[in-house]
Amino acid sequence: MKKLIILLSLLLPTLAMAAGGHSVHLDEANIDLTDKASLQSGARTFMNYCLGCHQMQYQRYQRTFEDLGVPLALGQENLQFTGEKVGDYITNNMHKKTAAKWFGAAPPDLTLVARVRGADWLYTYLRSFYADPSRPWGVNNLVFPEVGMPHVLQELQGTPSKTYEQRMVDGEMVDRYVGIKSDGKGELSPDEYDKAVLDLVNFLTYMGEPARLEAESIGRWVIVFILVLFVFVYLLKKEYWREVH
């Protein structure tokens, strides 16, 4: 019992950190790993806006292009910007010490971020930045307070701000937080921005387990095989027992 208590005391803080240590409602990310168009859109967003700081050093460009149905030559031309070969891992040229100086800590590798954080967390996080002049990069985040990351998708979304409404509480009018709203100066409409974020999260989810669809397909065939084998084993068992009786 004592060992169990010690183990829980060590695990609970870790689990809280993995969950983000917050009570913000997480919006559901409707992930569809069979949607190649969504995955390609997410890959384009990642390569253009995220790769400058975040690597995916455990995944190769070639495997990514092939899985997403992108011709290698087209992928090299439009999704590779660091002069790497198509067979290389997805990395950038940012030095860790320089990154730590700029952001307070080196930006993490994102190969497995969807498996660590979860798709719903990522989807909500990327839509929860808001303007905060007190922060070094001028933004904060509801899901990850005092985050050291700038809002790299701001040109797509526009400048987001917290919005409030006057509501009656106990006979008094008070300001109540109702959400985050963009100033409308981004390249995308709110719905288009949400779709772009969903595509990016879809891509990050694929990256966390590239063989997932293949494994699920094999798993279904294995179940079919086991069911067919069960029929033959059952018939064989009946045949053996008929001789015994």
C-alpha atoms as a PDB file:
ATOM      1  CA  MET A   1       0.000   0.000   0.000  1.00  0.00           C
ATOM      2  CA  LYS A   2       2.820   2.361   0.868  1.00  0.00           C
ATOM      3  CA  LYS A   3       4.496   1.677  -2.481  1.00  0.00           C
ATOM      4  CA  LEU A   4       1.215   2.380  -4.298  1.00  0.00           C
ATOM      5  CA  ILE A   5       0.835   5.742  -2.546  1.00  0.00           C
ATOM      6  CA  ILE A   6       4.410   6.694  -3.454  1.00  0.00           C
ATOM      7  CA  LEU A   7       3.828   5.675  -7.079  1.00  0.00           C
ATOM      8  CA  LEU A   8       0.652   7.749  -7.321  1.00  0.00           C
ATOM      9  CA  SER A   9       2.375  10.752  -5.775  1.00  0.00           C
ATOM     10  CA  LEU A  10       4.985  10.556  -8.514  1.00  0.00           C
ATOM     11  CA  LEU A  11       2.552   9.965 -11.378  1.00  0.00           C
ATOM     12  CA  LEU A  12      -0.180  12.491 -10.596  1.00  0.00           C
ATOM     13  CA  PRO A  13       1.946  15.627 -11.165  1.00  0.00           C
ATOM     14  CA  THR A  14       3.184  14.150 -14.435  1.00  0.00           C
ATOM     15  CA  LEU A  15      -0.340  13.378 -15.584  1.00  0.00           C
ATOM     16  CA  ALA A  16      -1.458  16.870 -14.640  1.00  0.00           C
ATOM     17  CA  MET A  17       1.347  18.386 -16.703  1.00  0.00           C
ATOM     18  CA  ALA A  18       0.526  16.118 -19.644  1.00  0.00           C
ATOM     19  CA  ALA A  19      -3.069  17.270 -19.484  1.00  0.00           C
ATOM     20  CA  GLY A  20      -1.912  20.887 -19.469  1.00  0.00           C
ATOM     21  CA  GLY A  21      -2.706  21.508 -15.794  1.00  0.00           C
ATOM     22  CA  HIS A  22      -5.910  23.380 -16.638  1.00  0.00           C
ATOM     23  CA  SER A  23      -9.673  23.083 -16.457  1.00  0.00           C
ATOM     24  CA  VAL A  24     -10.469  24.672 -19.817  1.00  0.00           C
ATOM     25  CA  HIS A  25     -13.117  22.822 -21.810  1.00  0.00           C
ATOM     26  CA  LEU A  26     -11.510  21.022 -24.763  1.00  0.00           C
ATOM     27  CA  ASP A  27     -13.320  21.171 -28.087  1.00  0.00           C
ATOM     28  CA  GLU A  28     -13.619  17.903 -29.963  1.00  0.00           C
ATOM     29  CA  ALA A  29     -11.309  17.480 -32.947  1.00  0.00           C
ATOM     30  CA  ASN A  30     -13.069  15.326 -35.531  1.00  0.00           C
ATOM     31  CA  ILE A  31      -9.973  13.570 -36.807  1.00  0.00           C
ATOM     32  CA  ASP A  32     -10.199  11.594 -40.059  1.00  0.00           C
ATOM     33  CA  LEU A  33      -6.933   9.936 -41.042  1.00  0.00           C
ATOM     34  CA  THR A  34      -8.493   8.708 -44.296  1.00  0.00           C
ATOM     35  CA  ASP A  35      -9.004  12.298 -45.517  1.00  0.00           C
ATOM     36  CA  LYS A  36      -5.915  12.772 -47.694  1.00  0.00           C
ATOM     37  CA  ALA A  37      -6.903  16.331 -48.662  1.00  0.00           C
ATOM     38  CA  SER A  38      -7.054  17.301 -44.977  1.00  0.00           C
ATOM     39  CA  LEU A  39      -3.704  15.654 -44.264  1.00  0.00           C
ATOM     40  CA  GLN A  40      -2.085  17.418 -47.218  1.00  0.00           C
ATOM     41  CA  SER A  41      -3.494  20.751 -46.073  1.00  0.00           C
ATOM     42  CA  GLY A  42      -2.195  20.103 -42.552  1.00  0.00           C
ATOM     43  CA  ALA A  43       1.233  19.181 -43.893  1.00  0.00           C
ATOM     44  CA  ARG A  44       1.349  22.425 -45.895  1.00  0.00           C
ATOM     45  CA  THR A  45       0.439  24.464 -42.808  1.00  0.00           C
ATOM     46  CA  PHE A  46       3.034  22.684 -40.687  1.00  0.00           C
ATOM     47  CA  MET A  47       5.843  23.086 -43.207  1.00  0.00           C
ATOM     48  CA  ASN A  48       5.058  26.789 -43.729  1.00  0.00           C
ATOM     49  CA  TYR A  49       4.339  27.911 -40.176  1.00  0.00           C
ATOM     50  CA  CYS A  50       5.707  25.351 -37.690  1.00  0.00           C
ATOM     51  CA  LEU A  51       8.843  23.752 -39.110  1.00  0.00           C
ATOM     52  CA  GLY A  52      10.919  26.880 -38.607  1.00  0.00           C
ATOM     53  CA  CYS A  53      10.945  26.130 -34.871  1.00  0.00           C
ATOM     54  CA  HIS A  54       9.558  22.607 -34.407  1.00  0.00           C
ATOM     55  CA  GLN A  55      11.118  19.515 -35.903  1.00  0.00           C
ATOM     56  CA  MET A  56       9.749  16.053 -36.642  1.00  0.00           C
ATOM     57  CA  GLN A  57      13.082  14.329 -36.442  1.00  0.00           C
ATOM     58  CA  TYR A  58      11.633  10.804 -36.239  1.00  0.00           C
ATOM     59  CA  GLN A  59       9.758  10.959 -39.536  1.00  0.00           C
ATOM     60  CA  ARG A  60      11.139  11.135 -43.078  1.00  0.00           C
ATOM     61  CA  TYR A  61       9.858  13.375 -45.845  1.00  0.00           C
ATOM     62  CA  GLN A  62       9.547  10.455 -48.250  1.00  0.00           C
ATOM     63  CA  ARG A  63       7.396   8.358 -45.917  1.00  0.00           C
ATOM     64  CA  THR A  64       5.178  11.385 -45.297  1.00  0.00           C
ATOM     65  CA  PHE A  65       4.736  12.204 -48.987  1.00  0.00           C
ATOM     66  CA  GLU A  66       3.977   8.595 -49.887  1.00  0.00           C
ATOM     67  CA  ASP A  67       1.434   8.158 -47.088  1.00  0.00           C
ATOM     68  CA  LEU A  68      -0.314  11.433 -47.957  1.00  0.00           C
ATOM     69  CA  GLY A  69      -0.421  10.701 -51.689  1.00  0.00           C
ATOM     70  CA  VAL A  70       1.947  13.537 -52.612  1.00  0.00           C
ATOM     71  CA  PRO A  71       4.293  12.860 -55.577  1.00  0.00           C
ATOM     72  CA  LEU A  72       7.895  13.041 -54.363  1.00  0.00           C
ATOM     73  CA  ALA A  73       8.929  15.708 -56.879  1.00  0.00           C
ATOM     74  CA  LEU A  74       5.894  17.843 -55.969  1.00  0.00           C
ATOM     75  CA  GLY A  75       6.580  17.391 -52.268  1.00  0.00           C
ATOM     76  CA  GLN A  76      10.217  18.407 -52.656  1.00  0.00           C
ATOM     77  CA  GLU A  77       9.225  21.503 -54.610  1.00  0.00           C
ATOM     78  CA  ASN A  78       6.429  22.724 -52.340  1.00  0.00           C
ATOM     79  CA  LEU A  79       6.993  21.222 -48.877  1.00  0.00           C
ATOM     80  CA  GLN A  80      10.768  21.137 -48.425  1.00  0.00           C
ATOM     81  CA  PHE A  81      12.466  24.447 -47.699  1.00  0.00           C
ATOM     82  CA  THR A  82      15.750  23.545 -46.001  1.00  0.00           C
ATOM     83  CA  GLY A  83      17.623  21.911 -48.868  1.00  0.00           C
ATOM     84  CA  GLU A  84      17.285  18.401 -47.457  1.00  0.00           C
ATOM     85  CA  LYS A  85      16.920  15.269 -49.541  1.00  0.00           C
ATOM     86  CA  VAL A  86      13.568  13.546 -49.831  1.00  0.00           C
ATOM     87  CA  GLY A  87      14.877  10.626 -47.787  1.00  0.00           C
ATOM     88  CA  ASP A  88      15.988  12.845 -44.872  1.00  0.00           C
ATOM     89  CA  TYR A  89      14.224  13.336 -41.576  1.00  0.00           C
ATOM     90  CA  ILE A  90      12.016  16.416 -41.133  1.00  0.00           C
ATOM     91  CA  THR A  91      14.343  18.790 -39.289  1.00  0.00           C
ATOM     92  CA  ASN A  92      15.213  22.483 -39.262  1.00  0.00           C
ATOM     93  CA  ASN A  93      18.387  24.516 -38.844  1.00  0.00           C
ATOM     94  CA  MET A  94      17.488  26.260 -35.584  1.00  0.00           C
ATOM     95  CA  HIS A  95      20.173  25.843 -32.922  1.00  0.00           C
ATOM     96  CA  LYS A  96      18.814  24.714 -29.529  1.00  0.00           C
ATOM     97  CA  LYS A  97      20.758  27.338 -27.560  1.00  0.00           C
ATOM     98  CA  THR A  98      19.514  30.107 -29.823  1.00  0.00           C
ATOM     99  CA  ALA A  99      15.952  28.820 -29.558  1.00  0.00           C
ATOM    100  CA  ALA A 100      16.185  28.623 -25.764  1.00  0.00           C
ATOM    101  CA  LYS A 101      17.403  32.228 -25.679  1.00  0.00           C
ATOM    102  CA  TRP A 102      14.481  33.423 -27.786  1.00  0.00           C
ATOM    103  CA  PHE A 103      11.670  31.356 -26.274  1.00  0.00           C
ATOM    104  CA  GLY A 104      12.952  30.492 -22.805  1.00  0.00           C
ATOM    105  CA  ALA A 105      13.235  26.819 -23.816  1.00  0.00           C
ATOM    106  CA  ALA A 106      13.993  24.986 -27.028  1.00  0.00           C
ATOM    107  CA  PRO A 107      10.767  24.268 -28.976  1.00  0.00           C
ATOM    108  CA  PRO A 108       9.887  20.564 -28.601  1.00  0.00           C
ATOM    109  CA  ASP A 109       9.937  18.005 -31.370  1.00  0.00           C
ATOM    110  CA  LEU A 110       6.360  17.465 -32.558  1.00  0.00           C
ATOM    111  CA  THR A 111       6.553  13.954 -33.983  1.00  0.00           C
ATOM    112  CA  LEU A 112       4.634  12.478 -31.047  1.00  0.00           C
ATOM    113  CA  VAL A 113       2.897  15.584 -29.687  1.00  0.00           C
ATOM    114  CA  ALA A 114      -0.592  14.338 -30.619  1.00  0.00           C
ATOM    115  CA  ARG A 115      -0.023  11.109 -28.690  1.00  0.00           C
ATOM    116  CA  VAL A 116       1.251  13.020 -25.664  1.00  0.00           C
ATOM    117  CA  ARG A 117      -1.279  15.863 -25.595  1.00  0.00           C
ATOM    118  CA  GLY A 118      -4.221  14.461 -27.518  1.00  0.00           C
ATOM    119  CA  ALA A 119      -5.961  15.805 -30.620  1.00  0.00           C
ATOM    120  CA  ASP A 120      -8.638  17.691 -28.652  1.00  0.00           C
ATOM    121  CA  TRP A 121      -5.979  19.505 -26.603  1.00  0.00           C
ATOM    122  CA  LEU A 122      -4.045  20.567 -29.699  1.00  0.00           C
ATOM    123  CA  TYR A 123      -7.195  21.675 -31.531  1.00  0.00           C
ATOM    124  CA  THR A 124      -8.337  23.809 -28.604  1.00  0.00           C
ATOM    125  CA  TYR A 125      -4.850  25.153 -27.875  1.00  0.00           C
ATOM    126  CA  LEU A 126      -4.271  26.440 -31.406  1.00  0.00           C
ATOM    127  CA  ARG A 127      -7.609  28.268 -31.265  1.00  0.00           C
ATOM    128  CA  SER A 128      -7.082  29.741 -27.784  1.00  0.00           C
ATOM    129  CA  PHE A 129      -4.410  32.402 -28.322  1.00  0.00           C
ATOM    130  CA  TYR A 130      -5.385  35.952 -27.399  1.00  0.00           C
ATOM    131  CA  ALA A 131      -3.664  39.333 -27.357  1.00  0.00           C
ATOM    132  CA  ASP A 132      -1.796  40.057 -24.125  1.00  0.00           C
ATOM    133  CA  PRO A 133       0.649  43.007 -24.224  1.00  0.00           C
ATOM    134  CA  SER A 134       2.232  41.864 -20.940  1.00  0.00           C
ATOM    135  CA  ARG A 135       3.693  38.762 -22.594  1.00  0.00           C
ATOM    136  CA  PRO A 136       7.035  38.787 -24.503  1.00  0.00           C
ATOM    137  CA  TRP A 137       5.371  37.822 -27.795  1.00  0.00           C
ATOM    138  CA  GLY A 138       2.238  39.861 -27.170  1.00  0.00           C
ATOM    139  CA  VAL A 139      -0.037  36.834 -26.812  1.00  0.00           C
ATOM    140  CA  ASN A 140      -1.186  34.408 -24.158  1.00  0.00           C
ATOM    141  CA  ASN A 141      -3.179  31.186 -24.287  1.00  0.00           C
ATOM    142  CA  LEU A 142      -6.192  29.959 -22.329  1.00  0.00           C
ATOM    143  CA  VAL A 143      -5.168  26.295 -22.514  1.00  0.00           C
ATOM    144  CA  PHE A 144      -1.467  26.908 -21.815  1.00  0.00           C
ATOM    145  CA  PRO A 145      -1.214  30.104 -19.707  1.00  0.00           C
ATOM    146  CA  GLU A 146       1.991  32.128 -20.084  1.00  0.00           C
ATOM    147  CA  VAL A 147       3.093  30.041 -23.023  1.00  0.00           C
ATOM    148  CA  GLY A 148       6.461  31.027 -24.506  1.00  0.00           C
ATOM    149  CA  MET A 149       5.329  30.391 -28.076  1.00  0.00           C
ATOM    150  CA  PRO A 150       4.230  33.212 -30.400  1.00  0.00           C
ATOM    151  CA  HIS A 151       0.935  32.901 -32.246  1.00  0.00           C
ATOM    152  CA  VAL A 152       2.479  31.701 -35.500  1.00  0.00           C
ATOM    153  CA  LEU A 153      -0.892  31.375 -37.234  1.00  0.00           C
ATOM    154  CA  GLN A 154      -1.929  34.957 -36.471  1.00  0.00           C
ATOM    155  CA  GLU A 155      -1.690  36.089 -40.077  1.00  0.00           C
ATOM    156  CA  LEU A 156      -4.281  33.429 -40.906  1.00  0.00           C
ATOM    157  CA  GLN A 157      -6.592  34.115 -37.952  1.00  0.00           C
ATOM    158  CA  GLY A 158      -6.041  37.815 -37.375  1.00  0.00           C
ATOM    159  CA  THR A 159      -5.438  39.288 -33.925  1.00  0.00           C
ATOM    160  CA  PRO A 160      -7.574  37.355 -31.418  1.00  0.00           C
ATOM    161  CA  SER A 161      -8.884  38.979 -28.240  1.00  0.00           C
ATOM    162  CA  LYS A 162     -10.938  37.925 -25.256  1.00  0.00           C
ATOM    163  CA  THR A 163     -14.541  39.096 -25.514  1.00  0.00           C
ATOM    164  CA  TYR A 164     -16.913  39.882 -22.657  1.00  0.00           C
ATOM    165  CA  GLU A 165     -20.624  40.550 -22.264  1.00  0.00           C
ATOM    166  CA  GLN A 166     -22.538  42.458 -19.618  1.00  0.00           C
ATOM    167  CA  ARG A 167     -24.662  40.044 -17.598  1.00  0.00           C
ATOM    168  CA  MET A 168     -26.807  40.376 -14.513  1.00  0.00           C
ATOM    169  CA  VAL A 169     -25.379  38.503 -11.509  1.00  0.00           C
ATOM    170  CA  ASP A 170     -26.964  38.878  -8.058  1.00  0.00           C
ATOM    171  CA  GLY A 171     -28.646  42.109  -9.103  1.00  0.00           C
ATOM    172  CA  GLU A 172     -25.479  43.653 -10.551  1.00  0.00           C
ATOM    173  CA  MET A 173     -24.199  43.978 -14.101  1.00  0.00           C
ATOM    174  CA  VAL A 174     -20.804  42.321 -14.471  1.00  0.00           C
ATOM    175  CA  ASP A 175     -18.490  41.495 -17.357  1.00  0.00           C
ATOM    176  CA  ARG A 176     -18.489  37.794 -18.144  1.00  0.00           C
ATOM    177  CA  TYR A 177     -15.983  36.139 -20.479  1.00  0.00           C
ATOM    178  CA  VAL A 178     -17.739  34.631 -23.515  1.00  0.00           C
ATOM    179  CA  GLY A 179     -14.906  33.588 -25.806  1.00  0.00           C
ATOM    180  CA  ILE A 180     -12.113  34.635 -28.143  1.00  0.00           C
ATOM    181  CA  LYS A 181     -12.827  36.643 -31.272  1.00  0.00           C
ATOM    182  CA  SER A 182     -10.559  37.699 -34.114  1.00  0.00           C
ATOM    183  CA  ASP A 183     -10.373  41.269 -35.380  1.00  0.00           C
ATOM    184  CA  GLY A 184     -11.245  39.939 -38.838  1.00  0.00           C
ATOM    185  CA  LYS A 185      -7.973  41.036 -40.421  1.00  0.00           C
ATOM    186  CA  GLY A 186      -6.604  37.550 -40.977  1.00  0.00           C
ATOM    187  CA  GLU A 187      -6.364  35.786 -44.313  1.00  0.00           C
ATOM    188  CA  LEU A 188      -9.053  33.279 -43.305  1.00  0.00           C
ATOM    189  CA  SER A 189     -12.579  33.576 -41.977  1.00  0.00           C
ATOM    190  CA  PRO A 190     -13.244  32.074 -38.506  1.00  0.00           C
ATOM    191  CA  ASP A 191     -14.668  28.891 -40.052  1.00  0.00           C
ATOM    192  CA  GLU A 192     -11.778  28.613 -42.497  1.00  0.00           C
ATOM    193  CA  TYR A 193      -9.292  29.092 -39.676  1.00  0.00           C
ATOM    194  CA  ASP A 194     -10.920  26.369 -37.591  1.00  0.00           C
ATOM    195  CA  LYS A 195     -10.738  24.058 -40.621  1.00  0.00           C
ATOM    196  CA  ALA A 196      -7.054  24.883 -41.169  1.00  0.00           C
ATOM    197  CA  VAL A 197      -6.308  24.106 -37.517  1.00  0.00           C
ATOM    198  CA  LEU A 198      -8.275  20.854 -37.720  1.00  0.00           C
ATOM    199  CA  ASP A 199      -6.267  19.842 -40.806  1.00  0.00           C
ATOM    200  CA  LEU A 200      -3.032  20.634 -38.964  1.00  0.00           C
ATOM    201  CA  VAL A 201      -4.112  18.569 -35.952  1.00  0.00           C
ATOM    202  CA  ASN A 202      -5.149  15.765 -38.296  1.00  0.00           C
ATOM    203  CA  PHE A 203      -1.640  15.823 -39.765  1.00  0.00           C
ATOM    204  CA  LEU A 204      -0.019  15.839 -36.310  1.00  0.00           C
ATOM    205  CA  THR A 205      -2.199  12.885 -35.301  1.00  0.00           C
ATOM    206  CA  TYR A 206      -1.056  10.973 -38.384  1.00  0.00           C
ATOM    207  CA  MET A 207       2.560  11.791 -37.537  1.00  0.00           C
ATOM    208  CA  GLY A 208       2.193  10.304 -34.067  1.00  0.00           C
ATOM    209  CA  GLU A 209       1.343   6.906 -35.541  1.00  0.00           C
ATOM    210  CA  PRO A 210       1.916   6.747 -39.320  1.00  0.00           C
ATOM    211  CA  ALA A 211       1.102   3.033 -39.530  1.00  0.00           C
ATOM    212  CA  ARG A 212      -2.193   3.335 -37.640  1.00  0.00           C
ATOM    213  CA  LEU A 213      -4.521   2.836 -40.609  1.00  0.00           C
ATOM    214  CA  GLU A 214      -2.437  -0.045 -41.901  1.00  0.00           C
ATOM    215  CA  ALA A 215      -2.380  -1.630 -38.445  1.00  0.00           C
ATOM    216  CA  GLU A 216      -6.155  -1.268 -38.109  1.00  0.00           C
ATOM    217  CA  SER A 217      -6.638  -2.867 -41.521  1.00  0.00           C
ATOM    218  CA  ILE A 218      -4.380  -5.783 -40.609  1.00  0.00           C
ATOM    219  CA  GLY A 219      -6.169  -6.094 -37.278  1.00  0.00           C
ATOM    220  CA  ARG A 220      -9.537  -6.474 -39.005  1.00  0.00           C
ATOM    221  CA  TRP A 221      -8.170  -9.235 -41.227  1.00  0.00           C
ATOM    222  CA  VAL A 222      -6.673 -10.963 -38.195  1.00  0.00           C
ATOM    223  CA  ILE A 223     -10.086 -10.936 -36.494  1.00  0.00           C
ATOM    224  CA  VAL A 224     -11.683 -12.412 -39.627  1.00  0.00           C
ATOM    225  CA  PHE A 225      -9.000 -15.109 -39.714  1.00  0.00           C
ATOM    226  CA  ILE A 226      -9.558 -15.952 -36.035  1.00  0.00           C
ATOM    227  CA  LEU A 227     -13.322 -16.234 -36.560  1.00  0.00           C
ATOM    228  CA  VAL A 228     -12.894 -18.543 -39.559  1.00  0.00           C
ATOM    229  CA  LEU A 229     -10.317 -20.599 -37.666  1.00  0.00           C
ATOM    230  CA  PHE A 230     -12.727 -20.852 -34.718  1.00  0.00           C
ATOM    231  CA  VAL A 231     -15.348 -22.437 -36.990  1.00  0.00           C
ATOM    232  CA  PHE A 232     -12.912 -25.100 -38.194  1.00  0.00           C
ATOM    233  CA  VAL A 233     -11.597 -25.738 -34.670  1.00  0.00           C
ATOM    234  CA  TYR A 234     -15.159 -26.119 -33.375  1.00  0.00           C
ATOM    235  CA  LEU A 235     -16.060 -28.585 -36.135  1.00  0.00           C
ATOM    236  CA  LEU A 236     -12.841 -30.511 -35.478  1.00  0.00           C
ATOM    237  CA  LYS A 237     -13.637 -30.623 -31.773  1.00  0.00           C
ATOM    238  CA  LYS A 238     -17.119 -32.025 -32.514  1.00  0.00           C
ATOM    239  CA  GLU A 239     -15.573 -34.672 -34.757  1.00  0.00           C
ATOM    240  CA  TYR A 240     -13.121 -35.781 -32.068  1.00  0.00           C
ATOM    241  CA  TRP A 241     -15.803 -35.928 -29.363  1.00  0.00           C
ATOM    242  CA  ARG A 242     -18.104 -37.941 -31.607  1.00  0.00           C
ATOM    243  CA  GLU A 243     -15.461 -40.703 -31.722  1.00  0.00           C
ATOM    244  CA  VAL A 244     -15.067 -40.548 -27.933  1.00  0.00           C
ATOM    245  CA  HIS A 245     -18.805 -40.978 -27.322  1.00  0.00           C
END
